[in-house]
Amino acid sequence: MDNARLERLLSSLHDSASSASVLHRLCVVGATADSVDGAGVSLVADGRHELLDASDASAERVESMQAEFGEGPCIEAVTTFRPFFEPDLASVRAQQRWPQFSRAACEQGVAAAFAFPLVSHGVAVGALDVYSARAGDLAPDDLRDVLVLADLAALAAHEGRSSPSIDGVDARAEAAEPWAHSAVVHNASGMVCEQLGIDVEASLLRIRAVAFATARTVAEVSRDIVARRLRLEPWVHDD
């Protein structure tokens, strides 16, 4: 994991509207990438496709199309457990693969779509989708950003399934400096260091990321780690 990238993205997420849900803020930040014009998050489970949030009304409509037609990159990503990219929805390849979704998305002004699975406890529960009005691949730096956002979205989506109150919470910023935290945070950070094989700075950053994604404080997450009620696992897109 690129710690500087995660730190930058967390700062952007905390700077976004505090009245919005965690998932909405993840979508909005994802849509600010240079090669992205919209983003959405959906759950796919037991044959049901549920839109959770989107960056804007246009992205919400495109997400809903995938649920309506039962086809699209979101479903491919969940089925394969791998990111699924379609840089040209007007291509013969895309039209043959998703005849209804591709046509409808193009009419909506979407030229490319990219889906990233949300993997929680070894199960793909949904996807973070990003859309572009221009055909072509995601810029490499944007791709790396969206991979981090997908890991955060997986945490948020998992929490949201068991606690609907994640919507509308104020996921506030907390200090990045290790000295600014209490003993329980230091203890939890040490446990995460050992569990994940990372340094103290990276472990504290990971705890802060989990706290944001689950709409809790760093101290609350740390207490659960120390009490062994929570064990942080490697993220899907860890290097």
C-alpha atoms as a PDB file:
ATOM      1  CA  MET A   1       0.000   0.000   0.000  1.00  0.00           C
ATOM      2  CA  ASP A   2       1.247   3.471  -0.926  1.00  0.00           C
ATOM      3  CA  ASN A   3       0.991   5.301   2.410  1.00  0.00           C
ATOM      4  CA  ALA A   4       1.286   8.753   0.820  1.00  0.00           C
ATOM      5  CA  ARG A   5      -1.564   7.935  -1.555  1.00  0.00           C
ATOM      6  CA  LEU A   6      -3.799   6.665   1.248  1.00  0.00           C
ATOM      7  CA  GLU A   7      -2.998   9.748   3.352  1.00  0.00           C
ATOM      8  CA  ARG A   8      -3.875  12.047   0.438  1.00  0.00           C
ATOM      9  CA  LEU A   9      -7.142  10.241  -0.274  1.00  0.00           C
ATOM     10  CA  LEU A  10      -8.153  10.257   3.396  1.00  0.00           C
ATOM     11  CA  SER A  11      -7.548  14.005   3.480  1.00  0.00           C
ATOM     12  CA  SER A  12      -9.756  14.450   0.410  1.00  0.00           C
ATOM     13  CA  LEU A  13     -12.475  12.277   1.933  1.00  0.00           C
ATOM     14  CA  HIS A  14     -12.429  14.199   5.206  1.00  0.00           C
ATOM     15  CA  ASP A  15     -12.536  17.490   3.297  1.00  0.00           C
ATOM     16  CA  SER A  16     -15.681  16.442   1.394  1.00  0.00           C
ATOM     17  CA  ALA A  17     -19.157  17.294   2.711  1.00  0.00           C
ATOM     18  CA  SER A  18     -19.396  15.947   6.269  1.00  0.00           C
ATOM     19  CA  SER A  19     -23.177  15.613   6.008  1.00  0.00           C
ATOM     20  CA  ALA A  20     -22.857  13.004   3.239  1.00  0.00           C
ATOM     21  CA  SER A  21     -22.593   9.271   3.818  1.00  0.00           C
ATOM     22  CA  VAL A  22     -19.212   7.558   3.764  1.00  0.00           C
ATOM     23  CA  LEU A  23     -20.051   5.783   0.511  1.00  0.00           C
ATOM     24  CA  HIS A  24     -21.216   8.992  -1.160  1.00  0.00           C
ATOM     25  CA  ARG A  25     -17.981  10.711  -0.200  1.00  0.00           C
ATOM     26  CA  LEU A  26     -15.985   7.793  -1.635  1.00  0.00           C
ATOM     27  CA  CYS A  27     -17.907   8.109  -4.915  1.00  0.00           C
ATOM     28  CA  VAL A  28     -17.450  11.888  -5.068  1.00  0.00           C
ATOM     29  CA  VAL A  29     -13.696  11.639  -4.472  1.00  0.00           C
ATOM     30  CA  GLY A  30     -13.445   8.847  -7.037  1.00  0.00           C
ATOM     31  CA  ALA A  31     -15.191  11.046  -9.604  1.00  0.00           C
ATOM     32  CA  THR A  32     -12.617  13.832  -9.153  1.00  0.00           C
ATOM     33  CA  ALA A  33      -9.917  11.778 -10.907  1.00  0.00           C
ATOM     34  CA  ASP A  34      -8.863  13.319 -14.221  1.00  0.00           C
ATOM     35  CA  SER A  35     -10.028  10.368 -16.337  1.00  0.00           C
ATOM     36  CA  VAL A  36     -13.279   9.780 -14.367  1.00  0.00           C
ATOM     37  CA  ASP A  37     -16.608  11.612 -14.661  1.00  0.00           C
ATOM     38  CA  GLY A  38     -18.791   9.616 -12.258  1.00  0.00           C
ATOM     39  CA  ALA A  39     -18.761   6.778  -9.745  1.00  0.00           C
ATOM     40  CA  GLY A  40     -21.210   4.480  -7.996  1.00  0.00           C
ATOM     41  CA  VAL A  41     -21.301   1.648  -5.480  1.00  0.00           C
ATOM     42  CA  SER A  42     -23.628  -1.350  -5.633  1.00  0.00           C
ATOM     43  CA  LEU A  43     -24.154  -4.538  -3.658  1.00  0.00           C
ATOM     44  CA  VAL A  44     -24.778  -7.781  -5.542  1.00  0.00           C
ATOM     45  CA  ALA A  45     -25.916 -10.732  -3.433  1.00  0.00           C
ATOM     46  CA  ASP A  46     -28.374 -13.628  -3.692  1.00  0.00           C
ATOM     47  CA  GLY A  47     -29.440 -12.549  -7.149  1.00  0.00           C
ATOM     48  CA  ARG A  48     -30.214  -8.992  -5.981  1.00  0.00           C
ATOM     49  CA  HIS A  49     -28.447  -5.890  -7.271  1.00  0.00           C
ATOM     50  CA  GLU A  50     -28.806  -2.930  -4.912  1.00  0.00           C
ATOM     51  CA  LEU A  51     -27.556   0.586  -5.634  1.00  0.00           C
ATOM     52  CA  LEU A  52     -25.962   1.997  -2.478  1.00  0.00           C
ATOM     53  CA  ASP A  53     -24.759   5.430  -3.592  1.00  0.00           C
ATOM     54  CA  ALA A  54     -23.375   7.433  -6.487  1.00  0.00           C
ATOM     55  CA  SER A  55     -21.425  10.628  -7.077  1.00  0.00           C
ATOM     56  CA  ASP A  56     -24.268  12.322  -8.979  1.00  0.00           C
ATOM     57  CA  ALA A  57     -27.614  11.723 -10.669  1.00  0.00           C
ATOM     58  CA  SER A  58     -26.054  10.622 -13.973  1.00  0.00           C
ATOM     59  CA  ALA A  59     -23.868   7.990 -12.299  1.00  0.00           C
ATOM     60  CA  GLU A  60     -26.890   6.830 -10.298  1.00  0.00           C
ATOM     61  CA  ARG A  61     -28.838   6.254 -13.520  1.00  0.00           C
ATOM     62  CA  VAL A  62     -25.980   4.266 -15.067  1.00  0.00           C
ATOM     63  CA  GLU A  63     -25.651   2.137 -11.921  1.00  0.00           C
ATOM     64  CA  SER A  64     -29.399   1.498 -12.004  1.00  0.00           C
ATOM     65  CA  MET A  65     -29.170   0.365 -15.635  1.00  0.00           C
ATOM     66  CA  GLN A  66     -26.883  -2.495 -14.647  1.00  0.00           C
ATOM     67  CA  ALA A  67     -29.423  -3.645 -12.058  1.00  0.00           C
ATOM     68  CA  GLU A  68     -32.319  -3.220 -14.495  1.00  0.00           C
ATOM     69  CA  PHE A  69     -30.687  -5.123 -17.364  1.00  0.00           C
ATOM     70  CA  GLY A  70     -28.760  -7.650 -15.266  1.00  0.00           C
ATOM     71  CA  GLU A  71     -25.577  -6.964 -17.212  1.00  0.00           C
ATOM     72  CA  GLY A  72     -22.568  -4.685 -17.064  1.00  0.00           C
ATOM     73  CA  PRO A  73     -19.066  -4.383 -15.586  1.00  0.00           C
ATOM     74  CA  CYS A  74     -20.292  -4.405 -11.973  1.00  0.00           C
ATOM     75  CA  ILE A  75     -21.685  -7.915 -12.341  1.00  0.00           C
ATOM     76  CA  GLU A  76     -18.548  -9.071 -14.164  1.00  0.00           C
ATOM     77  CA  ALA A  77     -16.318  -7.776 -11.348  1.00  0.00           C
ATOM     78  CA  VAL A  78     -18.386  -9.494  -8.647  1.00  0.00           C
ATOM     79  CA  THR A  79     -18.479 -12.766 -10.584  1.00  0.00           C
ATOM     80  CA  THR A  80     -14.737 -12.871 -11.319  1.00  0.00           C
ATOM     81  CA  PHE A  81     -13.437 -11.193  -8.096  1.00  0.00           C
ATOM     82  CA  ARG A  82     -11.290  -9.052 -10.412  1.00  0.00           C
ATOM     83  CA  PRO A  83     -11.506  -5.505 -11.780  1.00  0.00           C
ATOM     84  CA  PHE A  84     -13.290  -5.421 -15.111  1.00  0.00           C
ATOM     85  CA  PHE A  85     -12.510  -2.655 -17.606  1.00  0.00           C
ATOM     86  CA  GLU A  86     -14.365  -1.602 -20.730  1.00  0.00           C
ATOM     87  CA  PRO A  87     -12.615   1.419 -22.280  1.00  0.00           C
ATOM     88  CA  ASP A  88     -15.074   1.691 -25.196  1.00  0.00           C
ATOM     89  CA  LEU A  89     -18.747   0.928 -24.602  1.00  0.00           C
ATOM     90  CA  ALA A  90     -19.484   1.673 -28.261  1.00  0.00           C
ATOM     91  CA  SER A  91     -17.178  -1.126 -29.452  1.00  0.00           C
ATOM     92  CA  VAL A  92     -18.515  -4.309 -31.019  1.00  0.00           C
ATOM     93  CA  ARG A  93     -17.000  -6.230 -28.091  1.00  0.00           C
ATOM     94  CA  ALA A  94     -18.983  -4.266 -25.508  1.00  0.00           C
ATOM     95  CA  GLN A  95     -22.189  -4.247 -27.560  1.00  0.00           C
ATOM     96  CA  GLN A  96     -22.069  -8.014 -27.902  1.00  0.00           C
ATOM     97  CA  ARG A  97     -21.221  -8.588 -24.232  1.00  0.00           C
ATOM     98  CA  TRP A  98     -23.836  -6.197 -22.779  1.00  0.00           C
ATOM     99  CA  PRO A  99     -26.265  -5.332 -25.602  1.00  0.00           C
ATOM    100  CA  GLN A 100     -28.751  -3.440 -23.441  1.00  0.00           C
ATOM    101  CA  PHE A 101     -26.418  -1.799 -20.932  1.00  0.00           C
ATOM    102  CA  SER A 102     -23.839  -0.651 -23.497  1.00  0.00           C
ATOM    103  CA  ARG A 103     -26.448   0.985 -25.699  1.00  0.00           C
ATOM    104  CA  ALA A 104     -28.217   2.681 -22.788  1.00  0.00           C
ATOM    105  CA  ALA A 105     -24.959   3.871 -21.210  1.00  0.00           C
ATOM    106  CA  CYS A 106     -23.773   5.401 -24.482  1.00  0.00           C
ATOM    107  CA  GLU A 107     -27.112   7.208 -24.818  1.00  0.00           C
ATOM    108  CA  GLN A 108     -26.506   8.551 -21.303  1.00  0.00           C
ATOM    109  CA  GLY A 109     -23.157   9.971 -22.450  1.00  0.00           C
ATOM    110  CA  VAL A 110     -20.946   7.297 -20.873  1.00  0.00           C
ATOM    111  CA  ALA A 111     -18.149   6.081 -23.157  1.00  0.00           C
ATOM    112  CA  ALA A 112     -16.127   3.861 -20.783  1.00  0.00           C
ATOM    113  CA  ALA A 113     -16.805   1.929 -17.584  1.00  0.00           C
ATOM    114  CA  PHE A 114     -14.507   0.299 -15.032  1.00  0.00           C
ATOM    115  CA  ALA A 115     -15.616  -1.905 -12.132  1.00  0.00           C
ATOM    116  CA  PHE A 116     -13.692  -2.909  -9.001  1.00  0.00           C
ATOM    117  CA  PRO A 117     -14.978  -5.721  -6.745  1.00  0.00           C
ATOM    118  CA  LEU A 118     -15.706  -5.007  -3.094  1.00  0.00           C
ATOM    119  CA  VAL A 119     -14.255  -8.018  -1.303  1.00  0.00           C
ATOM    120  CA  SER A 120     -15.206  -8.537   2.345  1.00  0.00           C
ATOM    121  CA  HIS A 121     -14.021 -11.607   4.284  1.00  0.00           C
ATOM    122  CA  GLY A 122     -13.139 -13.377   1.052  1.00  0.00           C
ATOM    123  CA  VAL A 123     -16.503 -12.721  -0.613  1.00  0.00           C
ATOM    124  CA  ALA A 124     -17.204 -10.230  -3.415  1.00  0.00           C
ATOM    125  CA  VAL A 125     -20.246  -8.347  -2.116  1.00  0.00           C
ATOM    126  CA  GLY A 126     -20.490  -5.636  -4.735  1.00  0.00           C
ATOM    127  CA  ALA A 127     -18.480  -3.217  -6.834  1.00  0.00           C
ATOM    128  CA  LEU A 128     -17.231   0.324  -7.083  1.00  0.00           C
ATOM    129  CA  ASP A 129     -17.828   1.474 -10.654  1.00  0.00           C
ATOM    130  CA  VAL A 130     -16.282   4.532 -12.287  1.00  0.00           C
ATOM    131  CA  TYR A 131     -17.408   6.032 -15.576  1.00  0.00           C
ATOM    132  CA  SER A 132     -15.873   8.295 -18.187  1.00  0.00           C
ATOM    133  CA  ALA A 133     -17.455  10.418 -20.884  1.00  0.00           C
ATOM    134  CA  ARG A 134     -14.408   9.726 -23.052  1.00  0.00           C
ATOM    135  CA  ALA A 135     -13.371   6.377 -24.486  1.00  0.00           C
ATOM    136  CA  GLY A 136     -10.000   5.113 -23.317  1.00  0.00           C
ATOM    137  CA  ASP A 137      -8.246   3.544 -20.351  1.00  0.00           C
ATOM    138  CA  LEU A 138      -8.045   5.010 -16.877  1.00  0.00           C
ATOM    139  CA  ALA A 139      -4.901   7.030 -16.304  1.00  0.00           C
ATOM    140  CA  PRO A 140      -2.412   4.899 -14.293  1.00  0.00           C
ATOM    141  CA  ASP A 141      -2.444   7.252 -11.292  1.00  0.00           C
ATOM    142  CA  ASP A 142      -6.251   7.393 -11.305  1.00  0.00           C
ATOM    143  CA  LEU A 143      -6.352   3.600 -11.416  1.00  0.00           C
ATOM    144  CA  ARG A 144      -4.182   3.357  -8.304  1.00  0.00           C
ATOM    145  CA  ASP A 145      -6.423   5.874  -6.503  1.00  0.00           C
ATOM    146  CA  VAL A 146      -9.587   3.968  -7.360  1.00  0.00           C
ATOM    147  CA  LEU A 147      -8.064   0.692  -6.157  1.00  0.00           C
ATOM    148  CA  VAL A 148      -7.536   2.280  -2.717  1.00  0.00           C
ATOM    149  CA  LEU A 149     -11.062   3.710  -2.742  1.00  0.00           C
ATOM    150  CA  ALA A 150     -12.435   0.264  -3.601  1.00  0.00           C
ATOM    151  CA  ASP A 151     -10.782  -1.203  -0.503  1.00  0.00           C
ATOM    152  CA  LEU A 152     -12.314   1.553   1.624  1.00  0.00           C
ATOM    153  CA  ALA A 153     -15.701   1.059  -0.043  1.00  0.00           C
ATOM    154  CA  ALA A 154     -15.581  -2.659   0.762  1.00  0.00           C
ATOM    155  CA  LEU A 155     -15.163  -1.814   4.454  1.00  0.00           C
ATOM    156  CA  ALA A 156     -17.952   0.767   4.322  1.00  0.00           C
ATOM    157  CA  ALA A 157     -20.339  -1.497   2.407  1.00  0.00           C
ATOM    158  CA  HIS A 158     -19.776  -4.359   4.848  1.00  0.00           C
ATOM    159  CA  GLU A 159     -20.457  -2.046   7.807  1.00  0.00           C
ATOM    160  CA  GLY A 160     -23.513  -0.626   6.087  1.00  0.00           C
ATOM    161  CA  ARG A 161     -25.091  -4.067   5.704  1.00  0.00           C
ATOM    162  CA  SER A 162     -25.098  -4.573   9.478  1.00  0.00           C
ATOM    163  CA  SER A 163     -25.565  -0.909  10.490  1.00  0.00           C
ATOM    164  CA  PRO A 164     -27.680   1.304   8.234  1.00  0.00           C
ATOM    165  CA  SER A 165     -26.799   4.294  10.405  1.00  0.00           C
ATOM    166  CA  ILE A 166     -23.603   4.717   8.369  1.00  0.00           C
ATOM    167  CA  ASP A 167     -25.597   7.152   6.201  1.00  0.00           C
ATOM    168  CA  GLY A 168     -25.519  10.734   7.387  1.00  0.00           C
ATOM    169  CA  VAL A 169     -22.785  10.346   9.983  1.00  0.00           C
ATOM    170  CA  ASP A 170     -20.030  12.877  10.475  1.00  0.00           C
ATOM    171  CA  ALA A 171     -16.860  10.898   9.723  1.00  0.00           C
ATOM    172  CA  ARG A 172     -14.482  13.476  11.116  1.00  0.00           C
ATOM    173  CA  ALA A 173     -10.789  13.904  10.565  1.00  0.00           C
ATOM    174  CA  GLU A 174      -8.406  12.750  13.267  1.00  0.00           C
ATOM    175  CA  ALA A 175      -4.769  13.511  13.914  1.00  0.00           C
ATOM    176  CA  ALA A 176      -2.199  11.758  11.756  1.00  0.00           C
ATOM    177  CA  GLU A 177       0.682  12.129  14.229  1.00  0.00           C
ATOM    178  CA  PRO A 178       1.311   9.068  16.459  1.00  0.00           C
ATOM    179  CA  TRP A 179       1.974  11.239  19.539  1.00  0.00           C
ATOM    180  CA  ALA A 180      -1.532  12.728  19.318  1.00  0.00           C
ATOM    181  CA  HIS A 181      -3.221   9.438  20.186  1.00  0.00           C
ATOM    182  CA  SER A 182      -3.888   7.624  23.438  1.00  0.00           C
ATOM    183  CA  ALA A 183      -2.196   4.501  24.785  1.00  0.00           C
ATOM    184  CA  VAL A 184      -4.924   2.211  23.457  1.00  0.00           C
ATOM    185  CA  VAL A 185      -4.255   3.512  19.929  1.00  0.00           C
ATOM    186  CA  HIS A 186      -0.532   2.860  20.345  1.00  0.00           C
ATOM    187  CA  ASN A 187      -1.263  -0.664  21.602  1.00  0.00           C
ATOM    188  CA  ALA A 188      -3.594  -1.343  18.698  1.00  0.00           C
ATOM    189  CA  SER A 189      -1.054   0.028  16.245  1.00  0.00           C
ATOM    190  CA  GLY A 190       1.565  -2.357  17.601  1.00  0.00           C
ATOM    191  CA  MET A 191      -0.797  -5.302  17.189  1.00  0.00           C
ATOM    192  CA  VAL A 192      -1.554  -4.298  13.596  1.00  0.00           C
ATOM    193  CA  CYS A 193       2.184  -3.967  12.909  1.00  0.00           C
ATOM    194  CA  GLU A 194       2.664  -7.577  13.930  1.00  0.00           C
ATOM    195  CA  GLN A 195      -0.450  -8.901  12.212  1.00  0.00           C
ATOM    196  CA  LEU A 196       0.143  -7.230   8.847  1.00  0.00           C
ATOM    197  CA  GLY A 197       3.938  -6.994   8.883  1.00  0.00           C
ATOM    198  CA  ILE A 198       3.951  -3.224   8.389  1.00  0.00           C
ATOM    199  CA  ASP A 199       5.591  -0.341  10.267  1.00  0.00           C
ATOM    200  CA  VAL A 200       3.997   1.846  12.957  1.00  0.00           C
ATOM    201  CA  GLU A 201       3.203   4.729  10.622  1.00  0.00           C
ATOM    202  CA  ALA A 202       1.479   2.424   8.157  1.00  0.00           C
ATOM    203  CA  SER A 203      -0.453   0.612  10.903  1.00  0.00           C
ATOM    204  CA  LEU A 204      -1.806   3.873  12.341  1.00  0.00           C
ATOM    205  CA  LEU A 205      -2.777   4.985   8.848  1.00  0.00           C
ATOM    206  CA  ARG A 206      -4.603   1.695   8.328  1.00  0.00           C
ATOM    207  CA  ILE A 207      -6.502   2.122  11.613  1.00  0.00           C
ATOM    208  CA  ARG A 208      -7.472   5.663  10.583  1.00  0.00           C
ATOM    209  CA  ALA A 209      -8.701   4.351   7.227  1.00  0.00           C
ATOM    210  CA  VAL A 210     -10.845   1.686   8.891  1.00  0.00           C
ATOM    211  CA  ALA A 211     -12.218   4.300  11.295  1.00  0.00           C
ATOM    212  CA  PHE A 212     -13.246   6.528   8.384  1.00  0.00           C
ATOM    213  CA  ALA A 213     -14.787   3.722   6.343  1.00  0.00           C
ATOM    214  CA  THR A 214     -16.828   2.425   9.285  1.00  0.00           C
ATOM    215  CA  ALA A 215     -17.792   5.894  10.567  1.00  0.00           C
ATOM    216  CA  ARG A 216     -16.124   5.414  13.943  1.00  0.00           C
ATOM    217  CA  THR A 217     -13.323   7.097  15.856  1.00  0.00           C
ATOM    218  CA  VAL A 218      -9.740   5.860  15.857  1.00  0.00           C
ATOM    219  CA  ALA A 219     -10.058   5.165  19.596  1.00  0.00           C
ATOM    220  CA  GLU A 220     -13.172   3.019  19.096  1.00  0.00           C
ATOM    221  CA  VAL A 221     -11.512   0.932  16.392  1.00  0.00           C
ATOM    222  CA  SER A 222      -8.359   0.647  18.510  1.00  0.00           C
ATOM    223  CA  ARG A 223     -10.284  -0.602  21.560  1.00  0.00           C
ATOM    224  CA  ASP A 224     -11.844  -3.343  19.455  1.00  0.00           C
ATOM    225  CA  ILE A 225      -8.425  -4.337  18.102  1.00  0.00           C
ATOM    226  CA  VAL A 226      -6.871  -4.499  21.589  1.00  0.00           C
ATOM    227  CA  ALA A 227      -9.862  -6.468  22.907  1.00  0.00           C
ATOM    228  CA  ARG A 228      -9.481  -8.816  19.906  1.00  0.00           C
ATOM    229  CA  ARG A 229     -13.005  -8.088  18.734  1.00  0.00           C
ATOM    230  CA  LEU A 230     -11.516  -6.821  15.474  1.00  0.00           C
ATOM    231  CA  ARG A 231      -8.584  -8.097  13.481  1.00  0.00           C
ATOM    232  CA  LEU A 232      -7.442  -6.075  10.497  1.00  0.00           C
ATOM    233  CA  GLU A 233      -6.846  -8.157   7.418  1.00  0.00           C
ATOM    234  CA  PRO A 234      -4.667  -7.297   4.413  1.00  0.00           C
ATOM    235  CA  TRP A 235      -6.574  -5.333   1.808  1.00  0.00           C
ATOM    236  CA  VAL A 236      -7.372  -6.888  -1.543  1.00  0.00           C
ATOM    237  CA  HIS A 237      -5.177  -4.382  -3.370  1.00  0.00           C
ATOM    238  CA  ASP A 238      -2.224  -4.358  -0.968  1.00  0.00           C
ATOM    239  CA  ASP A 239       1.063  -4.538  -2.837  1.00  0.00           C
END
